[in-house]
N, C-alpha and C. Protein backbone atom coordinates (compact mmCIF):
# COMPACT_ATOMS: atom_id res chain seq x y z
N GLU A 1 6.19 -24.19 -0.52
CA GLU A 1 7.30 -23.78 0.24
C GLU A 1 7.02 -22.41 1.22
N LEU A 2 6.15 -22.55 1.98
CA LEU A 2 5.74 -21.25 2.77
C LEU A 2 6.80 -20.61 3.56
N ASP A 3 7.62 -21.58 4.20
CA ASP A 3 8.68 -20.91 4.93
C ASP A 3 9.68 -20.16 4.13
N ALA A 4 9.95 -20.64 2.84
CA ALA A 4 10.94 -19.93 2.05
C ALA A 4 10.26 -18.66 1.45
N ALA A 5 8.88 -18.80 1.26
CA ALA A 5 8.31 -17.57 0.81
C ALA A 5 8.23 -16.42 1.92
N ALA A 6 8.01 -16.95 3.19
CA ALA A 6 7.97 -15.92 4.18
C ALA A 6 9.55 -15.29 4.39
N GLU A 7 10.35 -16.25 4.23
CA GLU A 7 11.91 -15.62 4.46
C GLU A 7 11.99 -14.46 3.43
N HIS A 8 11.64 -14.84 2.11
CA HIS A 8 11.89 -13.93 0.95
C HIS A 8 11.01 -12.59 1.27
N LEU A 9 9.96 -12.84 1.78
CA LEU A 9 9.15 -11.62 2.17
C LEU A 9 9.75 -10.84 3.26
N ARG A 10 10.39 -11.41 4.21
CA ARG A 10 11.28 -10.64 5.20
C ARG A 10 12.42 -9.89 4.72
N ALA A 11 13.15 -10.56 3.70
CA ALA A 11 14.29 -10.01 3.01
C ALA A 11 13.74 -8.79 2.21
N SER A 12 12.54 -8.83 1.69
CA SER A 12 12.11 -7.80 0.90
C SER A 12 11.64 -6.42 1.72
N LEU A 13 11.51 -6.79 2.99
CA LEU A 13 11.15 -5.46 3.79
C LEU A 13 12.26 -4.51 3.72
N ASP A 14 13.63 -4.98 4.10
CA ASP A 14 14.82 -4.25 4.15
C ASP A 14 15.04 -3.68 2.54
N LEU A 15 14.84 -4.26 1.58
CA LEU A 15 14.94 -3.91 0.05
C LEU A 15 14.08 -2.77 -0.09
N GLY A 16 12.83 -2.84 0.24
CA GLY A 16 11.54 -1.93 0.08
C GLY A 16 12.02 -0.70 0.78
N GLU A 17 12.30 -0.81 2.11
CA GLU A 17 12.35 0.26 3.04
C GLU A 17 13.72 1.15 2.41
N ARG A 18 14.68 0.39 2.02
CA ARG A 18 15.93 1.30 1.66
C ARG A 18 15.61 1.92 0.41
N LEU A 19 14.83 1.51 -0.46
CA LEU A 19 14.67 1.99 -1.88
C LEU A 19 13.36 3.01 -1.84
N ALA A 20 12.84 2.92 -0.81
CA ALA A 20 11.59 3.68 -0.57
C ALA A 20 10.50 3.60 -1.62
N LEU A 21 10.22 2.52 -2.04
CA LEU A 21 9.25 2.11 -3.06
C LEU A 21 7.68 2.52 -2.36
N ALA A 22 7.04 3.41 -3.07
CA ALA A 22 5.84 3.80 -2.61
C ALA A 22 4.81 2.61 -2.42
N GLN A 23 4.83 1.54 -3.22
CA GLN A 23 3.95 0.60 -3.31
C GLN A 23 4.31 -0.59 -2.14
N HIS A 24 5.55 -0.46 -1.75
CA HIS A 24 6.01 -1.60 -0.89
C HIS A 24 5.32 -1.88 0.30
N PRO A 25 4.87 -0.97 1.19
CA PRO A 25 4.00 -1.27 2.19
C PRO A 25 2.68 -1.97 1.93
N TYR A 26 2.10 -1.41 0.98
CA TYR A 26 0.92 -1.99 0.38
C TYR A 26 1.14 -3.42 0.03
N ARG A 27 2.13 -3.69 -0.89
CA ARG A 27 2.21 -5.09 -1.36
C ARG A 27 2.70 -6.04 -0.36
N TRP A 28 3.72 -5.59 0.54
CA TRP A 28 4.12 -6.40 1.56
C TRP A 28 3.01 -7.06 2.45
N ARG A 29 2.13 -6.25 2.84
CA ARG A 29 0.94 -6.52 3.64
C ARG A 29 -0.02 -7.52 2.88
N VAL A 30 -0.25 -7.26 1.55
CA VAL A 30 -1.02 -8.19 1.01
C VAL A 30 -0.40 -9.73 0.81
N ILE A 31 0.96 -9.56 0.64
CA ILE A 31 1.53 -10.84 0.44
C ILE A 31 1.56 -11.67 1.92
N ASP A 32 1.99 -11.04 2.91
CA ASP A 32 1.98 -11.57 4.25
C ASP A 32 0.61 -11.87 4.54
N GLY A 33 -0.53 -11.05 4.17
CA GLY A 33 -1.62 -11.64 4.58
C GLY A 33 -2.11 -12.89 3.98
N ARG A 34 -1.92 -13.08 2.62
CA ARG A 34 -2.06 -14.12 1.88
C ARG A 34 -1.29 -15.35 2.42
N LEU A 35 -0.29 -15.21 3.01
CA LEU A 35 0.72 -16.21 3.57
C LEU A 35 -0.03 -16.88 4.77
N ARG A 36 -0.43 -15.77 5.50
CA ARG A 36 -1.15 -15.91 6.82
C ARG A 36 -2.26 -16.72 6.65
N ALA A 37 -3.03 -16.37 5.70
CA ALA A 37 -4.39 -17.09 5.40
C ALA A 37 -4.15 -18.54 5.05
N ILE A 38 -3.08 -18.73 4.07
CA ILE A 38 -2.79 -20.14 3.78
C ILE A 38 -2.37 -20.97 4.84
N GLY A 39 -1.77 -20.28 5.99
CA GLY A 39 -1.36 -20.98 7.19
C GLY A 39 -2.49 -21.20 8.15
N GLY A 40 -3.72 -20.75 7.79
CA GLY A 40 -4.88 -20.87 8.67
C GLY A 40 -4.97 -19.60 9.80
N ASP A 41 -4.06 -18.67 9.64
CA ASP A 41 -4.16 -17.40 10.67
C ASP A 41 -5.20 -16.39 9.86
N TYR A 42 -6.56 -16.57 9.83
CA TYR A 42 -7.34 -15.69 9.18
C TYR A 42 -7.66 -14.46 9.71
N GLU A 43 -7.46 -14.47 11.01
CA GLU A 43 -7.53 -13.14 11.69
C GLU A 43 -6.38 -12.08 11.42
N GLY A 44 -5.19 -12.79 11.39
CA GLY A 44 -4.03 -11.93 11.28
C GLY A 44 -3.94 -11.51 9.81
N ALA A 45 -4.34 -12.39 8.90
CA ALA A 45 -4.57 -12.10 7.50
C ALA A 45 -5.37 -10.95 7.16
N LEU A 46 -6.52 -10.96 7.71
CA LEU A 46 -7.55 -9.92 7.51
C LEU A 46 -7.03 -8.51 8.17
N ARG A 47 -6.35 -8.71 9.20
CA ARG A 47 -5.85 -7.38 9.93
C ARG A 47 -4.67 -6.87 8.64
N LEU A 48 -3.87 -7.65 8.28
CA LEU A 48 -3.00 -7.08 7.37
C LEU A 48 -3.57 -6.52 5.96
N LEU A 49 -4.64 -7.41 5.42
CA LEU A 49 -5.27 -6.80 4.41
C LEU A 49 -5.99 -5.38 4.59
N HIS A 50 -6.67 -5.49 5.65
CA HIS A 50 -7.29 -4.06 6.11
C HIS A 50 -6.32 -3.00 5.91
N ASP A 51 -5.11 -3.22 6.74
CA ASP A 51 -4.08 -2.28 6.59
C ASP A 51 -3.59 -1.95 5.09
N ALA A 52 -3.59 -2.98 4.40
CA ALA A 52 -2.99 -2.90 3.06
C ALA A 52 -3.93 -1.84 2.14
N ALA A 53 -5.32 -2.18 2.55
CA ALA A 53 -6.37 -1.33 1.68
C ALA A 53 -6.12 0.07 2.03
N ASP A 54 -5.77 0.34 3.32
CA ASP A 54 -5.58 1.79 3.66
C ASP A 54 -4.29 2.38 3.02
N LEU A 55 -3.39 1.52 2.69
CA LEU A 55 -2.08 1.96 2.02
C LEU A 55 -2.04 1.92 0.49
N TYR A 56 -3.03 1.56 0.08
CA TYR A 56 -2.94 1.35 -1.36
C TYR A 56 -2.42 2.48 -2.21
N ASP A 57 -1.49 2.21 -3.10
CA ASP A 57 -0.86 3.15 -4.16
C ASP A 57 -0.96 2.49 -5.44
N THR A 58 -1.70 3.11 -6.35
CA THR A 58 -2.03 2.55 -7.66
C THR A 58 -0.65 2.56 -8.58
N ASP A 59 0.16 3.45 -8.49
CA ASP A 59 1.37 3.50 -9.41
C ASP A 59 0.85 3.33 -10.71
N TYR A 60 -0.15 4.13 -10.99
CA TYR A 60 -0.77 4.35 -12.32
C TYR A 60 -1.24 3.09 -12.76
N SER A 61 -1.48 2.05 -12.12
CA SER A 61 -1.85 0.75 -12.63
C SER A 61 -3.41 0.53 -12.32
N PRO A 62 -4.13 0.00 -13.11
CA PRO A 62 -5.69 -0.36 -12.75
C PRO A 62 -5.72 -1.26 -11.56
N LYS A 63 -6.72 -1.08 -11.02
CA LYS A 63 -6.91 -1.84 -9.69
C LYS A 63 -7.65 -3.11 -10.22
N ALA A 64 -6.94 -3.81 -10.67
CA ALA A 64 -7.31 -5.22 -11.33
C ALA A 64 -7.51 -6.37 -10.23
N ARG A 65 -6.73 -6.19 -9.05
CA ARG A 65 -6.86 -7.16 -7.92
C ARG A 65 -7.18 -6.47 -6.53
N PRO A 66 -8.29 -5.89 -6.40
CA PRO A 66 -8.61 -5.12 -5.11
C PRO A 66 -8.34 -6.01 -3.99
N VAL A 67 -7.78 -5.48 -2.96
CA VAL A 67 -7.46 -5.93 -1.75
C VAL A 67 -8.52 -6.36 -0.90
N THR A 68 -9.74 -5.65 -1.22
CA THR A 68 -11.06 -6.08 -0.51
C THR A 68 -11.58 -7.45 -0.93
N ALA A 69 -11.26 -7.71 -2.26
CA ALA A 69 -11.66 -9.05 -2.85
C ALA A 69 -10.62 -10.05 -2.26
N THR A 70 -9.41 -9.86 -2.03
CA THR A 70 -8.56 -10.91 -1.55
C THR A 70 -9.07 -11.09 -0.02
N ALA A 71 -9.45 -10.02 0.64
CA ALA A 71 -10.01 -10.24 2.03
C ALA A 71 -11.37 -11.03 1.96
N ALA A 72 -12.04 -10.78 0.89
CA ALA A 72 -13.40 -11.68 0.94
C ALA A 72 -12.95 -13.13 0.56
N ARG A 73 -11.81 -13.42 -0.11
CA ARG A 73 -11.41 -14.78 -0.11
C ARG A 73 -11.02 -15.46 1.22
N VAL A 74 -10.38 -14.65 1.89
CA VAL A 74 -9.93 -15.22 3.45
C VAL A 74 -11.30 -15.41 4.11
N GLN A 75 -11.98 -14.33 3.83
CA GLN A 75 -13.45 -14.57 4.65
C GLN A 75 -14.28 -15.99 4.32
N ILE A 76 -14.17 -16.23 3.10
CA ILE A 76 -14.73 -17.40 2.50
C ILE A 76 -14.10 -18.61 3.05
N ALA A 77 -12.68 -18.52 3.07
CA ALA A 77 -11.87 -19.74 3.55
C ALA A 77 -12.14 -19.90 5.12
N ALA A 78 -12.43 -18.78 5.70
CA ALA A 78 -12.58 -18.83 7.27
C ALA A 78 -14.08 -19.18 7.48
N GLY A 79 -14.89 -19.31 6.25
CA GLY A 79 -16.31 -19.62 6.72
C GLY A 79 -17.17 -18.48 7.00
N ASP A 80 -16.72 -17.23 6.93
CA ASP A 80 -17.50 -16.09 7.30
C ASP A 80 -18.15 -15.58 5.94
N LEU A 81 -19.23 -16.33 5.57
CA LEU A 81 -19.80 -16.00 4.30
C LEU A 81 -20.72 -14.76 4.38
N ALA A 82 -21.19 -14.21 5.49
CA ALA A 82 -21.93 -13.19 5.60
C ALA A 82 -21.09 -11.99 5.44
N ALA A 83 -19.79 -11.84 5.82
CA ALA A 83 -18.82 -10.95 5.74
C ALA A 83 -18.41 -10.82 4.26
N ALA A 84 -18.22 -11.88 3.54
CA ALA A 84 -17.91 -11.97 2.13
C ALA A 84 -19.25 -11.58 1.22
N GLN A 85 -20.44 -11.83 1.81
CA GLN A 85 -21.50 -11.39 0.98
C GLN A 85 -21.63 -9.74 1.16
N HIS A 86 -21.25 -9.31 2.36
CA HIS A 86 -21.12 -7.83 2.29
C HIS A 86 -20.15 -7.30 1.36
N TRP A 87 -18.99 -7.80 1.22
CA TRP A 87 -17.96 -7.31 0.29
C TRP A 87 -18.82 -7.33 -1.17
N ALA A 88 -19.25 -8.34 -1.43
CA ALA A 88 -20.05 -8.50 -2.88
C ALA A 88 -20.97 -7.29 -3.15
N ILE A 89 -21.79 -7.10 -2.05
CA ILE A 89 -22.69 -5.92 -2.18
C ILE A 89 -22.00 -4.67 -2.42
N ASP A 90 -20.98 -4.46 -1.52
CA ASP A 90 -20.38 -3.08 -1.47
C ASP A 90 -19.53 -3.04 -2.66
N ALA A 91 -18.96 -4.10 -3.28
CA ALA A 91 -18.19 -4.12 -4.57
C ALA A 91 -19.00 -3.97 -5.86
N GLY A 92 -20.42 -4.27 -5.56
CA GLY A 92 -21.27 -4.09 -6.62
C GLY A 92 -20.99 -5.17 -7.77
N VAL A 93 -20.70 -6.25 -7.37
CA VAL A 93 -20.59 -7.35 -8.30
C VAL A 93 -21.76 -8.31 -8.22
N SER A 94 -22.21 -9.00 -9.32
CA SER A 94 -23.41 -9.84 -9.50
C SER A 94 -22.91 -10.92 -10.30
N ALA A 95 -23.68 -12.19 -10.21
CA ALA A 95 -23.54 -13.31 -11.05
C ALA A 95 -23.89 -12.88 -12.57
N ASP A 96 -24.68 -11.78 -12.60
CA ASP A 96 -25.11 -11.48 -14.22
C ASP A 96 -24.34 -10.62 -14.82
N ASP A 97 -23.16 -10.01 -14.13
CA ASP A 97 -22.32 -9.18 -14.89
C ASP A 97 -21.46 -9.67 -16.01
N GLU A 98 -21.15 -8.88 -16.98
CA GLU A 98 -20.38 -9.34 -18.01
C GLU A 98 -18.92 -9.50 -17.58
N ALA A 99 -18.30 -10.54 -18.15
CA ALA A 99 -16.97 -10.75 -17.81
C ALA A 99 -16.04 -9.53 -18.45
N SER A 100 -15.20 -8.96 -17.58
CA SER A 100 -14.19 -7.99 -18.06
C SER A 100 -12.83 -8.12 -17.26
N TYR A 101 -11.70 -7.82 -17.81
CA TYR A 101 -10.39 -8.06 -17.29
C TYR A 101 -10.41 -7.29 -15.91
N LEU A 102 -10.95 -5.95 -15.88
CA LEU A 102 -10.75 -5.30 -14.64
C LEU A 102 -11.58 -5.78 -13.52
N ARG A 103 -12.50 -6.45 -13.81
CA ARG A 103 -13.28 -6.83 -12.63
C ARG A 103 -13.18 -8.57 -12.53
N GLU A 104 -12.20 -9.04 -13.25
CA GLU A 104 -12.24 -10.56 -13.29
C GLU A 104 -11.93 -11.11 -11.99
N TYR A 105 -10.97 -10.69 -11.16
CA TYR A 105 -10.59 -11.17 -9.92
C TYR A 105 -11.68 -11.16 -8.97
N GLU A 106 -12.56 -9.96 -8.99
CA GLU A 106 -13.69 -9.84 -7.96
C GLU A 106 -14.84 -10.93 -8.57
N HIS A 107 -14.78 -11.06 -9.81
CA HIS A 107 -15.97 -12.04 -10.30
C HIS A 107 -15.60 -13.44 -9.96
N LEU A 108 -14.23 -13.73 -9.98
CA LEU A 108 -13.73 -15.05 -9.74
C LEU A 108 -14.00 -15.32 -8.10
N THR A 109 -13.67 -14.13 -7.50
CA THR A 109 -14.00 -14.21 -5.97
C THR A 109 -15.51 -14.38 -5.71
N LEU A 110 -16.39 -13.70 -6.43
CA LEU A 110 -17.81 -13.87 -6.25
C LEU A 110 -18.31 -15.43 -6.54
N ALA A 111 -17.69 -16.03 -7.68
CA ALA A 111 -17.82 -17.38 -7.96
C ALA A 111 -17.71 -18.25 -6.69
N ARG A 112 -16.41 -18.09 -6.19
CA ARG A 112 -16.18 -18.75 -4.90
C ARG A 112 -17.14 -18.57 -3.77
N LEU A 113 -17.58 -17.48 -3.81
CA LEU A 113 -18.64 -17.07 -2.75
C LEU A 113 -19.86 -17.87 -3.00
N LEU A 114 -20.34 -17.89 -4.29
CA LEU A 114 -21.66 -18.60 -4.60
C LEU A 114 -21.46 -20.03 -4.35
N LEU A 115 -20.35 -20.57 -4.74
CA LEU A 115 -20.14 -22.06 -4.41
C LEU A 115 -20.05 -22.32 -3.01
N ALA A 116 -19.39 -21.47 -2.33
CA ALA A 116 -19.42 -21.85 -0.70
C ALA A 116 -20.78 -21.54 -0.12
N SER A 117 -21.55 -20.75 -0.78
CA SER A 117 -22.82 -20.48 -0.24
C SER A 117 -23.83 -21.55 -0.85
N GLY A 118 -23.37 -22.51 -1.56
CA GLY A 118 -24.43 -23.52 -2.04
C GLY A 118 -25.09 -23.27 -3.31
N ASP A 119 -24.70 -22.05 -4.03
CA ASP A 119 -25.43 -21.60 -5.15
C ASP A 119 -24.71 -22.02 -6.58
N ALA A 120 -24.62 -23.18 -6.64
CA ALA A 120 -23.87 -23.67 -8.09
C ALA A 120 -24.71 -23.24 -9.22
N ARG A 121 -25.95 -22.97 -9.08
CA ARG A 121 -26.86 -22.60 -10.25
C ARG A 121 -26.32 -21.33 -10.94
N GLN A 122 -25.98 -20.32 -10.06
CA GLN A 122 -25.51 -18.88 -10.47
C GLN A 122 -24.13 -19.02 -10.67
N ALA A 123 -23.27 -19.92 -9.91
CA ALA A 123 -21.83 -19.89 -10.16
C ALA A 123 -21.47 -20.51 -11.44
N GLU A 124 -22.14 -21.39 -12.03
CA GLU A 124 -21.77 -22.15 -13.21
C GLU A 124 -21.75 -21.26 -14.37
N PRO A 125 -22.71 -20.42 -14.69
CA PRO A 125 -22.83 -19.71 -15.95
C PRO A 125 -21.61 -18.42 -15.70
N LEU A 126 -21.59 -18.04 -14.54
CA LEU A 126 -20.52 -16.84 -14.23
C LEU A 126 -19.24 -17.53 -14.54
N ALA A 127 -18.87 -18.72 -13.97
CA ALA A 127 -17.48 -19.33 -14.13
C ALA A 127 -17.38 -19.50 -15.79
N GLU A 128 -18.48 -20.10 -16.43
CA GLU A 128 -18.14 -20.15 -17.82
C GLU A 128 -17.82 -18.77 -18.73
N ARG A 129 -18.49 -17.90 -18.33
CA ARG A 129 -18.30 -16.62 -18.96
C ARG A 129 -16.79 -16.12 -18.64
N LEU A 130 -16.39 -16.33 -17.36
CA LEU A 130 -15.15 -15.84 -16.86
C LEU A 130 -14.09 -16.77 -17.64
N LEU A 131 -14.26 -18.05 -17.93
CA LEU A 131 -13.43 -18.89 -18.43
C LEU A 131 -13.13 -18.52 -19.79
N GLU A 132 -14.32 -18.27 -20.54
CA GLU A 132 -14.22 -17.94 -21.99
C GLU A 132 -13.51 -16.43 -22.15
N ALA A 133 -13.73 -15.64 -21.28
CA ALA A 133 -12.93 -14.35 -21.43
C ALA A 133 -11.40 -14.57 -21.11
N ALA A 134 -11.29 -15.30 -20.03
CA ALA A 134 -9.86 -15.42 -19.65
C ALA A 134 -8.94 -16.10 -20.83
N GLU A 135 -9.68 -17.08 -21.39
CA GLU A 135 -9.03 -17.83 -22.51
C GLU A 135 -8.78 -16.95 -23.68
N TYR A 136 -9.76 -16.18 -24.02
CA TYR A 136 -9.83 -15.17 -25.22
C TYR A 136 -8.72 -14.40 -24.76
N GLY A 137 -8.50 -13.91 -23.56
CA GLY A 137 -7.35 -12.75 -23.31
C GLY A 137 -6.13 -13.29 -23.06
N GLY A 138 -5.83 -14.75 -23.13
CA GLY A 138 -4.75 -15.29 -22.87
C GLY A 138 -4.21 -15.16 -21.38
N ARG A 139 -5.15 -15.02 -20.52
CA ARG A 139 -4.90 -14.93 -19.00
C ARG A 139 -4.86 -16.30 -18.40
N ASP A 140 -3.80 -17.10 -18.57
CA ASP A 140 -3.96 -18.53 -18.04
C ASP A 140 -4.20 -18.77 -16.66
N GLY A 141 -3.66 -17.96 -15.86
CA GLY A 141 -4.14 -18.08 -14.38
C GLY A 141 -5.37 -17.85 -14.05
N SER A 142 -6.22 -16.99 -14.61
CA SER A 142 -7.64 -16.76 -14.49
C SER A 142 -8.30 -18.00 -15.13
N ALA A 143 -7.80 -18.42 -16.36
CA ALA A 143 -8.53 -19.34 -17.00
C ALA A 143 -8.58 -20.73 -16.21
N LEU A 144 -7.34 -20.96 -15.51
CA LEU A 144 -7.09 -22.12 -14.65
C LEU A 144 -8.19 -22.05 -13.53
N GLU A 145 -8.16 -20.88 -12.80
CA GLU A 145 -9.14 -20.68 -11.66
C GLU A 145 -10.51 -20.86 -12.13
N ALA A 146 -10.83 -20.02 -13.27
CA ALA A 146 -12.31 -20.22 -13.63
C ALA A 146 -12.60 -21.77 -14.05
N GLY A 147 -11.85 -22.36 -14.70
CA GLY A 147 -12.16 -23.75 -15.04
C GLY A 147 -12.34 -24.56 -13.89
N MET A 148 -11.53 -24.56 -12.78
CA MET A 148 -11.59 -25.15 -11.70
C MET A 148 -13.04 -24.84 -10.92
N LEU A 149 -13.39 -23.65 -11.00
CA LEU A 149 -14.62 -23.08 -10.19
C LEU A 149 -15.90 -23.72 -11.04
N LEU A 150 -15.74 -23.78 -12.45
CA LEU A 150 -16.61 -24.42 -13.36
C LEU A 150 -16.90 -25.85 -12.97
N ALA A 151 -15.82 -26.50 -12.82
CA ALA A 151 -15.82 -27.98 -12.43
C ALA A 151 -16.39 -28.18 -11.22
N LEU A 152 -16.13 -27.26 -10.22
CA LEU A 152 -16.73 -27.51 -8.88
C LEU A 152 -18.32 -27.22 -8.80
N ALA A 153 -18.70 -26.23 -9.74
CA ALA A 153 -20.09 -25.97 -9.99
C ALA A 153 -20.83 -27.11 -10.54
N LYS A 154 -20.16 -27.65 -11.49
CA LYS A 154 -20.97 -28.96 -12.13
C LYS A 154 -20.94 -29.98 -11.30
N SER A 155 -19.94 -30.04 -10.38
CA SER A 155 -20.02 -31.17 -9.48
C SER A 155 -21.13 -30.88 -8.46
N ALA A 156 -21.02 -29.79 -8.02
CA ALA A 156 -22.13 -29.42 -6.93
C ALA A 156 -23.56 -29.56 -7.60
N SER A 157 -23.68 -29.27 -8.85
CA SER A 157 -25.00 -29.49 -9.46
C SER A 157 -25.28 -31.13 -9.71
N GLY A 158 -24.40 -31.84 -9.35
CA GLY A 158 -24.56 -33.40 -9.60
C GLY A 158 -24.28 -33.91 -10.88
N ASP A 159 -23.43 -33.09 -11.76
CA ASP A 159 -22.95 -33.61 -12.94
C ASP A 159 -21.65 -33.85 -12.89
N THR A 160 -21.28 -34.94 -12.33
CA THR A 160 -19.91 -35.51 -12.10
C THR A 160 -19.10 -35.66 -13.32
N ALA A 161 -19.74 -36.12 -14.29
CA ALA A 161 -19.17 -36.54 -15.51
C ALA A 161 -18.71 -35.20 -16.30
N ARG A 162 -19.43 -34.15 -16.20
CA ARG A 162 -19.00 -32.96 -17.03
C ARG A 162 -17.95 -32.37 -16.17
N ALA A 163 -18.13 -32.46 -14.67
CA ALA A 163 -17.08 -31.80 -13.90
C ALA A 163 -15.77 -32.41 -14.09
N VAL A 164 -15.62 -33.69 -14.41
CA VAL A 164 -14.29 -34.42 -14.53
C VAL A 164 -13.78 -33.94 -16.06
N VAL A 165 -14.77 -33.88 -17.06
CA VAL A 165 -14.41 -33.36 -18.30
C VAL A 165 -13.71 -32.06 -18.30
N THR A 166 -14.46 -31.25 -17.50
CA THR A 166 -14.06 -29.92 -17.42
C THR A 166 -12.72 -29.62 -16.65
N LEU A 167 -12.38 -30.51 -15.71
CA LEU A 167 -10.98 -30.52 -14.95
C LEU A 167 -9.96 -31.05 -15.99
N ALA A 168 -10.26 -32.16 -16.98
CA ALA A 168 -9.30 -32.58 -17.76
C ALA A 168 -9.00 -31.43 -18.66
N GLU A 169 -9.97 -30.81 -19.23
CA GLU A 169 -9.62 -29.60 -20.11
C GLU A 169 -8.76 -28.56 -19.45
């Protein structure tokens, strides 16, 4: 329901401006950028995400979902793997890193990049570690994403039977 989501986002503009929430300009751009990416407007999405990164306000919360990783996901979807690889280098993430909550979103993004780059051999063990950590921590959304990425990695490696089992789980 992308149209409804966009309408709610437009309504939130008035509310956020009136209440002067410090995080509102950042959050609004991230959400609008994600909606635009879903609609295929990758250039517009990246422009909004770049602006959001400049406006980031922590509100004393950890940076568990860096906007730069969201931008890398848009770049992957747009087929700009070179730009996403630059993000991974700048972010300092690698397929051998330990799974941790604060870097989980970045590592899930890296797994997506590895799969898009045809490197299922590195994506699979990374997705396995991320799935285990997310399940242990009770982070169902991350566990679902990691499981999907693990199934894709198994399928890309030619193990369709294990990929189907992983999807079923």
